[in-house]
Amino acid sequence: MSKRKYNSWNNDIMEAAIKKFKDGELRFNEVCRVYYVPKPTFRRHLKGLNKHQRIGRPKDLTAEMETELVRHVLLLESRFFWSYHNRLETFSLSVSRKIWIET
């Protein structure tokens, strides 16, 4: 019995396999055999169950706000404003709390 090959496919191969299956050109087993995609993996992608959920707390800041905060902190750091790490942490927490309360 041969060893299993994990991750022997990429997203392009998976998309092509799904297209062939949905167009009716190949059956389920044929798609898995031709494209070297494991059956459970292909079934999961067909059903759309392969979506990744974010783990952890949701972000309070948008990408633009976070970029602006980083720019501001770096400016303050260049002027030797921050002397302790906990001040920066307290500042960023207070900003995110204020934004969360306003929304």
Protein backbone atom coordinates (compact mmCIF):
# COMPACT_ATOMS: atom_id res chain seq x y z
CA MET A 1 0.00 0.00 0.00
CA SER A 2 1.43 3.38 -0.98
CA LYS A 3 1.80 6.32 1.36
CA ARG A 4 -0.75 9.09 1.22
CA LYS A 5 0.25 12.36 -0.37
CA TYR A 6 -1.06 15.33 1.57
CA ASN A 7 -1.64 18.70 -0.06
CA SER A 8 -1.00 17.34 -3.54
CA TRP A 9 -3.33 19.98 -5.02
CA ASN A 10 -3.57 23.76 -4.99
CA ASN A 11 -6.46 26.21 -5.32
CA ASP A 12 -6.24 26.35 -9.11
CA ILE A 13 -6.53 22.57 -9.34
CA MET A 14 -9.44 22.55 -6.90
CA GLU A 15 -11.30 25.24 -8.85
CA ALA A 16 -10.77 23.36 -12.11
CA ALA A 17 -11.98 20.13 -10.51
CA ILE A 18 -15.10 21.79 -9.12
CA LYS A 19 -15.84 23.38 -12.52
CA LYS A 20 -15.49 20.03 -14.34
CA PHE A 21 -17.79 18.38 -11.80
CA LYS A 22 -20.45 21.11 -11.86
CA ASP A 23 -20.42 21.26 -15.66
CA GLY A 24 -21.06 17.50 -15.71
CA GLU A 25 -17.92 16.68 -17.65
CA LEU A 26 -16.60 14.32 -14.97
CA ARG A 27 -18.23 12.35 -12.19
CA PHE A 28 -17.20 12.64 -8.54
CA ASN A 29 -14.80 9.69 -8.43
CA GLU A 30 -13.28 10.60 -11.81
CA VAL A 31 -12.60 14.16 -10.68
CA CYS A 32 -10.88 12.94 -7.53
CA ARG A 33 -8.79 10.46 -9.47
CA VAL A 34 -7.83 12.77 -12.36
CA TYR A 35 -6.96 15.79 -10.20
CA TYR A 36 -5.46 13.78 -7.28
CA VAL A 37 -7.82 15.39 -4.79
CA PRO A 38 -8.90 13.35 -1.75
CA LYS A 39 -12.62 12.59 -1.76
CA PRO A 40 -13.40 14.11 1.67
CA THR A 41 -11.53 17.28 0.74
CA PHE A 42 -13.31 17.59 -2.59
CA ARG A 43 -16.71 16.95 -0.95
CA ARG A 44 -15.98 19.62 1.68
CA HIS A 45 -15.06 22.17 -1.00
CA LEU A 46 -18.16 21.32 -3.04
CA LYS A 47 -20.42 21.92 -0.05
CA GLY A 48 -18.61 25.16 0.81
CA LEU A 49 -17.67 23.94 4.27
CA ASN A 50 -14.01 24.83 3.87
CA LYS A 51 -14.44 28.45 4.90
CA HIS A 52 -12.08 29.56 7.65
CA GLN A 53 -13.54 31.42 10.57
CA ARG A 54 -11.54 34.00 12.40
CA ILE A 55 -10.58 32.94 15.88
CA GLY A 56 -10.23 35.43 18.69
CA ARG A 57 -11.73 38.77 19.50
CA PRO A 58 -13.20 40.80 16.67
CA LYS A 59 -11.21 43.83 15.60
CA ASP A 60 -12.53 47.13 16.91
CA LEU A 61 -10.40 49.25 14.59
CA THR A 62 -10.73 49.37 10.85
CA ALA A 63 -7.61 48.97 8.73
CA GLU A 64 -7.43 52.73 8.12
CA MET A 65 -7.78 53.52 11.82
CA GLU A 66 -5.13 50.98 12.73
CA THR A 67 -2.76 52.42 10.13
CA GLU A 68 -3.34 55.92 11.47
CA LEU A 69 -2.76 54.73 15.05
CA VAL A 70 0.49 53.04 14.05
CA ARG A 71 1.64 56.18 12.22
CA HIS A 72 0.82 58.31 15.27
CA VAL A 73 2.56 55.97 17.70
CA LEU A 74 5.68 55.88 15.52
CA LEU A 75 5.66 59.68 15.40
CA LEU A 76 5.42 59.87 19.18
CA GLU A 77 8.15 57.26 19.55
CA SER A 78 10.45 59.24 17.24
CA ARG A 79 9.95 62.19 19.59
CA PHE A 80 10.78 59.97 22.63
CA PHE A 81 7.27 60.31 24.04
CA TRP A 82 6.74 56.66 24.99
CA SER A 83 9.04 55.55 27.76
CA TYR A 84 7.18 52.41 28.85
CA HIS A 85 5.40 49.68 26.94
CA ASN A 86 2.40 49.72 29.28
CA ARG A 87 1.67 53.34 28.39
CA LEU A 88 1.34 52.39 24.74
CA GLU A 89 -0.89 49.45 25.63
CA THR A 90 -3.09 51.64 27.84
CA PHE A 91 -3.33 54.26 25.10
CA SER A 92 -4.32 51.77 22.40
CA LEU A 93 -6.90 50.14 24.68
CA SER A 94 -8.45 53.50 25.53
CA VAL A 95 -8.67 54.39 21.83
CA SER A 96 -10.36 51.09 20.95
CA ARG A 97 -12.79 51.40 23.88
CA LYS A 98 -13.70 54.93 22.86
CA ILE A 99 -14.34 53.81 19.28
CA TRP A 100 -16.38 50.83 20.49
CA ILE A 101 -18.54 53.02 22.73
CA GLU A 102 -19.19 55.57 19.95
CA THR A 103 -20.44 52.94 17.51
